[in-house]
All heavy atoms as atom14 arrays in JSON, in Angstrom:
{
  "sequence": "EQYYVKLPLANSWTVHTFIDGRSPADPVQQPPVGLKA",
  "atom14_mask": [
    [1, 1, 1, 1, 1, 1, 1, 1, 1, 0, 0, 0, 0, 0],
    [1, 1, 1, 1, 1, 1, 1, 1, 1, 0, 0, 0, 0, 0],
    [1, 1, 1, 1, 1, 1, 1, 1, 1, 1, 1, 1, 0, 0],
    [1, 1, 1, 1, 1, 1, 1, 1, 1, 1, 1, 1, 0, 0],
    [1, 1, 1, 1, 1, 1, 1, 0, 0, 0, 0, 0, 0, 0],
    [1, 1, 1, 1, 1, 1, 1, 1, 1, 0, 0, 0, 0, 0],
    [1, 1, 1, 1, 1, 1, 1, 1, 0, 0, 0, 0, 0, 0],
    [1, 1, 1, 1, 1, 1, 1, 0, 0, 0, 0, 0, 0, 0],
    [1, 1, 1, 1, 1, 1, 1, 1, 0, 0, 0, 0, 0, 0],
    [1, 1, 1, 1, 1, 0, 0, 0, 0, 0, 0, 0, 0, 0],
    [1, 1, 1, 1, 1, 1, 1, 1, 0, 0, 0, 0, 0, 0],
    [1, 1, 1, 1, 1, 1, 0, 0, 0, 0, 0, 0, 0, 0],
    [1, 1, 1, 1, 1, 1, 1, 1, 1, 1, 1, 1, 1, 1],
    [1, 1, 1, 1, 1, 1, 1, 0, 0, 0, 0, 0, 0, 0],
    [1, 1, 1, 1, 1, 1, 1, 0, 0, 0, 0, 0, 0, 0],
    [1, 1, 1, 1, 1, 1, 1, 1, 1, 1, 0, 0, 0, 0],
    [1, 1, 1, 1, 1, 1, 1, 0, 0, 0, 0, 0, 0, 0],
    [1, 1, 1, 1, 1, 1, 1, 1, 1, 1, 1, 0, 0, 0],
    [1, 1, 1, 1, 1, 1, 1, 1, 0, 0, 0, 0, 0, 0],
    [1, 1, 1, 1, 1, 1, 1, 1, 0, 0, 0, 0, 0, 0],
    [1, 1, 1, 1, 0, 0, 0, 0, 0, 0, 0, 0, 0, 0],
    [1, 1, 1, 1, 1, 1, 1, 1, 1, 1, 1, 0, 0, 0],
    [1, 1, 1, 1, 1, 1, 0, 0, 0, 0, 0, 0, 0, 0],
    [1, 1, 1, 1, 1, 1, 1, 0, 0, 0, 0, 0, 0, 0],
    [1, 1, 1, 1, 1, 0, 0, 0, 0, 0, 0, 0, 0, 0],
    [1, 1, 1, 1, 1, 1, 1, 1, 0, 0, 0, 0, 0, 0],
    [1, 1, 1, 1, 1, 1, 1, 0, 0, 0, 0, 0, 0, 0],
    [1, 1, 1, 1, 1, 1, 1, 0, 0, 0, 0, 0, 0, 0],
    [1, 1, 1, 1, 1, 1, 1, 1, 1, 0, 0, 0, 0, 0],
    [1, 1, 1, 1, 1, 1, 1, 1, 1, 0, 0, 0, 0, 0],
    [1, 1, 1, 1, 1, 1, 1, 0, 0, 0, 0, 0, 0, 0],
    [1, 1, 1, 1, 1, 1, 1, 0, 0, 0, 0, 0, 0, 0],
    [1, 1, 1, 1, 1, 1, 1, 0, 0, 0, 0, 0, 0, 0],
    [1, 1, 1, 1, 0, 0, 0, 0, 0, 0, 0, 0, 0, 0],
    [1, 1, 1, 1, 1, 1, 1, 1, 0, 0, 0, 0, 0, 0],
    [1, 1, 1, 1, 1, 1, 1, 1, 1, 0, 0, 0, 0, 0],
    [1, 1, 1, 1, 1, 0, 0, 0, 0, 0, 0, 0, 0, 0]
  ],
  "atom14_positions": [
    [[70.12, 79.12, 61.34], [70.81, 78.16, 60.42], [71.4, 78.95, 59.22], [70.73, 79.82, 58.66], [69.87, 77.05, 59.94], [69.24, 76.22, 60.99], [67.82, 76.66, 61.17], [67.37, 77.53, 60.48], [67.24, 76.07, 62.12], [0.0, 0.0, 0.0], [0.0, 0.0, 0.0], [0.0, 0.0, 0.0], [0.0, 0.0, 0.0], [0.0, 0.0, 0.0]],
    [[72.63, 78.67, 58.93], [73.29, 79.32, 57.74], [73.8, 78.18, 56.86], [74.57, 77.33, 57.25], [74.57, 80.17, 58.29], [74.09, 81.3, 59.16], [75.33, 82.0, 59.77], [75.81, 81.61, 60.73], [75.8, 83.1, 59.1], [0.0, 0.0, 0.0], [0.0, 0.0, 0.0], [0.0, 0.0, 0.0], [0.0, 0.0, 0.0], [0.0, 0.0, 0.0]],
    [[73.33, 78.29, 55.61], [73.66, 77.21, 54.56], [74.64, 77.89, 53.66], [74.34, 78.9, 52.97], [72.33, 76.79, 53.87], [71.41, 76.11, 54.84], [70.43, 76.88, 55.47], [71.34, 74.8, 55.01], [69.56, 76.36, 56.37], [70.41, 74.16, 55.75], [69.61, 74.86, 56.4], [68.66, 74.38, 57.29], [0.0, 0.0, 0.0], [0.0, 0.0, 0.0]],
    [[75.8, 77.25, 53.5], [76.83, 77.7, 52.52], [76.74, 76.95, 51.28], [76.89, 75.68, 51.26], [78.25, 77.59, 53.12], [78.39, 78.59, 54.29], [78.0, 78.31, 55.59], [78.96, 79.89, 54.06], [78.28, 79.09, 56.68], [79.15, 80.76, 55.1], [78.74, 80.41, 56.45], [79.0, 81.22, 57.52], [0.0, 0.0, 0.0], [0.0, 0.0, 0.0]],
    [[76.73, 77.61, 50.13], [76.67, 76.98, 48.78], [77.81, 77.51, 47.95], [78.04, 78.74, 47.81], [75.33, 77.34, 48.05], [75.23, 76.76, 46.75], [74.14, 76.99, 48.96], [0.0, 0.0, 0.0], [0.0, 0.0, 0.0], [0.0, 0.0, 0.0], [0.0, 0.0, 0.0], [0.0, 0.0, 0.0], [0.0, 0.0, 0.0], [0.0, 0.0, 0.0]],
    [[78.6, 76.61, 47.39], [79.64, 76.96, 46.54], [79.2, 77.29, 45.26], [78.26, 76.69, 44.55], [80.61, 75.81, 46.34], [81.94, 76.21, 45.66], [83.03, 75.16, 45.65], [84.31, 75.62, 44.98], [85.33, 74.55, 45.03], [0.0, 0.0, 0.0], [0.0, 0.0, 0.0], [0.0, 0.0, 0.0], [0.0, 0.0, 0.0], [0.0, 0.0, 0.0]],
    [[79.77, 78.45, 44.6], [79.34, 78.97, 43.33], [80.27, 78.61, 42.28], [81.47, 78.24, 42.48], [79.24, 80.48, 43.42], [78.18, 81.03, 44.42], [78.28, 82.55, 44.47], [76.79, 80.47, 44.15], [0.0, 0.0, 0.0], [0.0, 0.0, 0.0], [0.0, 0.0, 0.0], [0.0, 0.0, 0.0], [0.0, 0.0, 0.0], [0.0, 0.0, 0.0]],
    [[79.83, 78.53, 40.97], [80.65, 78.22, 39.76], [81.9, 79.24, 39.78], [82.96, 78.8, 39.3], [79.84, 78.26, 38.58], [78.44, 78.22, 39.15], [78.44, 78.74, 40.49], [0.0, 0.0, 0.0], [0.0, 0.0, 0.0], [0.0, 0.0, 0.0], [0.0, 0.0, 0.0], [0.0, 0.0, 0.0], [0.0, 0.0, 0.0], [0.0, 0.0, 0.0]],
    [[81.69, 80.45, 40.08], [82.82, 81.45, 39.99], [83.9, 81.01, 41.06], [83.53, 80.71, 42.25], [82.27, 82.8, 40.25], [83.2, 84.01, 40.08], [83.62, 84.06, 38.62], [82.57, 85.34, 40.53], [0.0, 0.0, 0.0], [0.0, 0.0, 0.0], [0.0, 0.0, 0.0], [0.0, 0.0, 0.0], [0.0, 0.0, 0.0], [0.0, 0.0, 0.0]],
    [[85.12, 81.13, 40.69], [86.19, 80.68, 41.59], [86.19, 81.42, 42.85], [86.0, 82.63, 42.89], [87.62, 80.94, 40.8], [0.0, 0.0, 0.0], [0.0, 0.0, 0.0], [0.0, 0.0, 0.0], [0.0, 0.0, 0.0], [0.0, 0.0, 0.0], [0.0, 0.0, 0.0], [0.0, 0.0, 0.0], [0.0, 0.0, 0.0], [0.0, 0.0, 0.0]],
    [[86.45, 80.77, 43.96], [86.62, 81.32, 45.26], [85.28, 82.08, 45.71], [85.43, 83.05, 46.45], [87.85, 82.18, 45.33], [89.11, 81.45, 45.12], [89.2, 80.28, 45.56], [90.04, 82.12, 44.5], [0.0, 0.0, 0.0], [0.0, 0.0, 0.0], [0.0, 0.0, 0.0], [0.0, 0.0, 0.0], [0.0, 0.0, 0.0], [0.0, 0.0, 0.0]],
    [[84.15, 81.66, 45.31], [82.94, 82.39, 45.69], [81.94, 81.45, 46.24], [81.81, 80.39, 45.71], [82.28, 83.06, 44.31], [83.26, 84.01, 43.83], [0.0, 0.0, 0.0], [0.0, 0.0, 0.0], [0.0, 0.0, 0.0], [0.0, 0.0, 0.0], [0.0, 0.0, 0.0], [0.0, 0.0, 0.0], [0.0, 0.0, 0.0], [0.0, 0.0, 0.0]],
    [[81.22, 82.07, 47.31], [80.23, 81.18, 48.02], [79.02, 82.17, 48.24], [79.08, 83.37, 48.3], [80.74, 80.66, 49.33], [81.85, 79.69, 49.21], [83.11, 79.88, 48.74], [81.73, 78.28, 49.5], [83.9, 78.77, 48.88], [83.07, 77.78, 49.27], [80.72, 77.39, 49.86], [83.35, 76.38, 49.55], [81.04, 76.16, 50.13], [82.24, 75.57, 49.9]],
    [[77.91, 81.53, 48.43], [76.71, 82.19, 48.93], [76.27, 81.52, 50.23], [76.37, 80.41, 50.41], [75.51, 82.06, 47.86], [75.87, 82.91, 46.8], [74.22, 82.64, 48.51], [0.0, 0.0, 0.0], [0.0, 0.0, 0.0], [0.0, 0.0, 0.0], [0.0, 0.0, 0.0], [0.0, 0.0, 0.0], [0.0, 0.0, 0.0], [0.0, 0.0, 0.0]],
    [[75.83, 82.39, 51.15], [75.36, 81.94, 52.48], [73.83, 82.32, 52.63], [73.49, 83.46, 52.22], [76.11, 82.47, 53.67], [76.17, 83.95, 53.67], [75.53, 81.85, 54.99], [0.0, 0.0, 0.0], [0.0, 0.0, 0.0], [0.0, 0.0, 0.0], [0.0, 0.0, 0.0], [0.0, 0.0, 0.0], [0.0, 0.0, 0.0], [0.0, 0.0, 0.0]],
    [[72.97, 81.44, 52.91], [71.58, 81.62, 53.13], [71.28, 81.51, 54.65], [71.61, 80.47, 55.28], [70.74, 80.56, 52.42], [70.96, 80.55, 50.87], [70.17, 81.21, 50.03], [71.91, 80.0, 50.17], [70.57, 81.03, 48.8], [71.6, 80.24, 48.77], [0.0, 0.0, 0.0], [0.0, 0.0, 0.0], [0.0, 0.0, 0.0], [0.0, 0.0, 0.0]],
    [[70.61, 82.55, 55.19], [70.43, 82.5, 56.69], [68.95, 82.5, 56.97], [68.1, 83.17, 56.43], [70.99, 83.93, 57.18], [72.4, 83.9, 57.01], [70.79, 83.93, 58.8], [0.0, 0.0, 0.0], [0.0, 0.0, 0.0], [0.0, 0.0, 0.0], [0.0, 0.0, 0.0], [0.0, 0.0, 0.0], [0.0, 0.0, 0.0], [0.0, 0.0, 0.0]],
    [[68.69, 81.57, 57.91], [67.32, 81.26, 58.3], [67.22, 81.39, 59.84], [68.28, 81.13, 60.52], [66.74, 79.93, 57.93], [66.7, 79.79, 56.37], [67.78, 79.41, 55.73], [65.41, 79.95, 55.76], [67.65, 79.24, 54.26], [65.35, 79.72, 54.37], [66.45, 79.44, 53.62], [0.0, 0.0, 0.0], [0.0, 0.0, 0.0], [0.0, 0.0, 0.0]],
    [[66.1, 81.64, 60.42], [65.79, 81.54, 61.84], [64.52, 80.84, 62.11], [63.55, 81.16, 61.59], [65.79, 82.99, 62.53], [67.21, 83.68, 62.41], [65.41, 82.88, 64.02], [67.26, 85.06, 63.05], [0.0, 0.0, 0.0], [0.0, 0.0, 0.0], [0.0, 0.0, 0.0], [0.0, 0.0, 0.0], [0.0, 0.0, 0.0], [0.0, 0.0, 0.0]],
    [[64.62, 79.78, 62.88], [63.56, 78.92, 63.12], [62.97, 78.32, 61.77], [61.86, 78.12, 61.68], [62.46, 79.58, 63.96], [62.87, 79.92, 65.33], [63.74, 79.27, 65.86], [62.23, 80.86, 65.85], [0.0, 0.0, 0.0], [0.0, 0.0, 0.0], [0.0, 0.0, 0.0], [0.0, 0.0, 0.0], [0.0, 0.0, 0.0], [0.0, 0.0, 0.0]],
    [[63.88, 78.11, 60.84], [63.43, 77.56, 59.53], [62.79, 78.51, 58.68], [62.24, 78.09, 57.57], [0.0, 0.0, 0.0], [0.0, 0.0, 0.0], [0.0, 0.0, 0.0], [0.0, 0.0, 0.0], [0.0, 0.0, 0.0], [0.0, 0.0, 0.0], [0.0, 0.0, 0.0], [0.0, 0.0, 0.0], [0.0, 0.0, 0.0], [0.0, 0.0, 0.0]],
    [[62.69, 79.77, 59.03], [61.96, 80.79, 58.2], [62.94, 81.93, 57.93], [63.99, 82.15, 58.46], [60.7, 81.28, 59.02], [59.94, 80.23, 59.55], [59.29, 79.26, 58.55], [58.23, 79.97, 57.69], [57.64, 79.41, 56.73], [57.88, 78.09, 56.4], [56.84, 80.07, 55.94], [0.0, 0.0, 0.0], [0.0, 0.0, 0.0], [0.0, 0.0, 0.0]],
    [[62.4, 82.93, 57.08], [63.13, 84.04, 56.79], [63.22, 84.97, 57.93], [62.21, 85.25, 58.64], [62.37, 84.83, 55.58], [63.0, 86.13, 55.48], [0.0, 0.0, 0.0], [0.0, 0.0, 0.0], [0.0, 0.0, 0.0], [0.0, 0.0, 0.0], [0.0, 0.0, 0.0], [0.0, 0.0, 0.0], [0.0, 0.0, 0.0], [0.0, 0.0, 0.0]],
    [[64.37, 85.45, 58.33], [64.44, 86.42, 59.5], [63.57, 87.63, 59.28], [63.19, 88.29, 60.22], [65.97, 86.64, 59.57], [66.68, 85.55, 58.91], [65.69, 85.09, 57.76], [0.0, 0.0, 0.0], [0.0, 0.0, 0.0], [0.0, 0.0, 0.0], [0.0, 0.0, 0.0], [0.0, 0.0, 0.0], [0.0, 0.0, 0.0], [0.0, 0.0, 0.0]],
    [[63.5, 88.05, 58.04], [62.71, 89.35, 57.69], [61.26, 89.02, 57.76], [60.53, 90.03, 58.15], [63.19, 89.82, 56.33], [0.0, 0.0, 0.0], [0.0, 0.0, 0.0], [0.0, 0.0, 0.0], [0.0, 0.0, 0.0], [0.0, 0.0, 0.0], [0.0, 0.0, 0.0], [0.0, 0.0, 0.0], [0.0, 0.0, 0.0], [0.0, 0.0, 0.0]],
    [[60.74, 87.98, 57.42], [59.31, 87.72, 57.32], [59.06, 86.26, 57.48], [59.02, 85.41, 56.67], [58.76, 88.18, 55.96], [57.25, 88.1, 55.91], [56.63, 87.65, 56.94], [56.73, 88.47, 54.88], [0.0, 0.0, 0.0], [0.0, 0.0, 0.0], [0.0, 0.0, 0.0], [0.0, 0.0, 0.0], [0.0, 0.0, 0.0], [0.0, 0.0, 0.0]],
    [[58.81, 85.82, 58.79], [58.55, 84.4, 58.98], [57.24, 83.9, 58.48], [57.01, 82.65, 58.44], [58.55, 84.34, 60.59], [58.14, 85.7, 60.98], [58.79, 86.64, 59.99], [0.0, 0.0, 0.0], [0.0, 0.0, 0.0], [0.0, 0.0, 0.0], [0.0, 0.0, 0.0], [0.0, 0.0, 0.0], [0.0, 0.0, 0.0], [0.0, 0.0, 0.0]],
    [[56.31, 84.77, 57.98], [55.03, 84.27, 57.5], [55.26, 83.88, 56.02], [54.43, 83.19, 55.51], [54.06, 85.41, 57.55], [52.63, 85.04, 57.09], [53.9, 85.94, 59.02], [0.0, 0.0, 0.0], [0.0, 0.0, 0.0], [0.0, 0.0, 0.0], [0.0, 0.0, 0.0], [0.0, 0.0, 0.0], [0.0, 0.0, 0.0], [0.0, 0.0, 0.0]],
    [[56.33, 84.32, 55.33], [56.48, 84.1, 53.92], [56.45, 82.55, 53.63], [57.1, 81.84, 54.25], [57.84, 84.75, 53.54], [58.08, 84.74, 52.06], [59.32, 85.39, 51.62], [60.24, 85.48, 52.45], [59.41, 85.95, 50.49], [0.0, 0.0, 0.0], [0.0, 0.0, 0.0], [0.0, 0.0, 0.0], [0.0, 0.0, 0.0], [0.0, 0.0, 0.0]],
    [[55.75, 82.3, 52.58], [55.59, 80.94, 52.04], [55.95, 80.85, 50.62], [55.47, 81.64, 49.78], [54.19, 80.36, 52.29], [53.59, 80.32, 53.67], [54.26, 79.11, 54.41], [54.78, 78.17, 53.78], [54.07, 79.11, 55.71], [0.0, 0.0, 0.0], [0.0, 0.0, 0.0], [0.0, 0.0, 0.0], [0.0, 0.0, 0.0], [0.0, 0.0, 0.0]],
    [[56.84, 79.93, 50.14], [57.65, 79.02, 50.97], [58.86, 80.0, 51.64], [59.05, 81.01, 51.17], [58.27, 78.14, 49.97], [58.34, 78.92, 48.76], [57.15, 79.84, 48.72], [0.0, 0.0, 0.0], [0.0, 0.0, 0.0], [0.0, 0.0, 0.0], [0.0, 0.0, 0.0], [0.0, 0.0, 0.0], [0.0, 0.0, 0.0], [0.0, 0.0, 0.0]],
    [[59.49, 79.43, 52.64], [60.54, 80.27, 53.26], [61.68, 80.53, 52.35], [62.24, 79.73, 51.65], [61.02, 79.38, 54.47], [60.64, 78.04, 54.04], [59.42, 78.09, 53.24], [0.0, 0.0, 0.0], [0.0, 0.0, 0.0], [0.0, 0.0, 0.0], [0.0, 0.0, 0.0], [0.0, 0.0, 0.0], [0.0, 0.0, 0.0], [0.0, 0.0, 0.0]],
    [[62.13, 81.82, 52.41], [63.24, 82.25, 51.61], [64.21, 82.95, 52.57], [63.79, 83.95, 53.23], [62.83, 83.24, 50.48], [64.11, 83.71, 49.77], [61.9, 82.45, 49.53], [0.0, 0.0, 0.0], [0.0, 0.0, 0.0], [0.0, 0.0, 0.0], [0.0, 0.0, 0.0], [0.0, 0.0, 0.0], [0.0, 0.0, 0.0], [0.0, 0.0, 0.0]],
    [[65.38, 82.47, 52.75], [66.37, 83.05, 53.69], [67.0, 84.27, 53.09], [66.88, 84.55, 51.95], [0.0, 0.0, 0.0], [0.0, 0.0, 0.0], [0.0, 0.0, 0.0], [0.0, 0.0, 0.0], [0.0, 0.0, 0.0], [0.0, 0.0, 0.0], [0.0, 0.0, 0.0], [0.0, 0.0, 0.0], [0.0, 0.0, 0.0], [0.0, 0.0, 0.0]],
    [[67.75, 85.0, 53.96], [68.43, 86.12, 53.58], [69.86, 85.65, 52.98], [70.46, 84.76, 53.49], [68.76, 87.03, 54.73], [67.53, 87.62, 55.43], [67.96, 88.65, 56.5], [66.59, 88.35, 54.48], [0.0, 0.0, 0.0], [0.0, 0.0, 0.0], [0.0, 0.0, 0.0], [0.0, 0.0, 0.0], [0.0, 0.0, 0.0], [0.0, 0.0, 0.0]],
    [[70.2, 86.3, 51.87], [71.44, 85.89, 51.13], [72.49, 86.92, 51.3], [72.39, 88.07, 51.43], [71.07, 85.68, 49.62], [70.13, 84.57, 49.3], [69.78, 84.55, 47.81], [71.07, 84.36, 46.96], [70.66, 84.27, 45.51], [0.0, 0.0, 0.0], [0.0, 0.0, 0.0], [0.0, 0.0, 0.0], [0.0, 0.0, 0.0], [0.0, 0.0, 0.0]],
    [[73.75, 86.34, 51.26], [74.93, 87.22, 51.13], [76.07, 86.46, 50.37], [76.02, 85.12, 50.43], [75.45, 87.53, 52.53], [0.0, 0.0, 0.0], [0.0, 0.0, 0.0], [0.0, 0.0, 0.0], [0.0, 0.0, 0.0], [0.0, 0.0, 0.0], [0.0, 0.0, 0.0], [0.0, 0.0, 0.0], [0.0, 0.0, 0.0], [0.0, 0.0, 0.0]]
  ]
}
């Protein structure tokens, strides 16, 4: 799942990426924190 969030800065967005609802890097992590770009 990829969640796109619009930022206050013009023409800027952040995307948060999850796999199976967890962080792709560490599914054990609590609470889940996705990878950002």
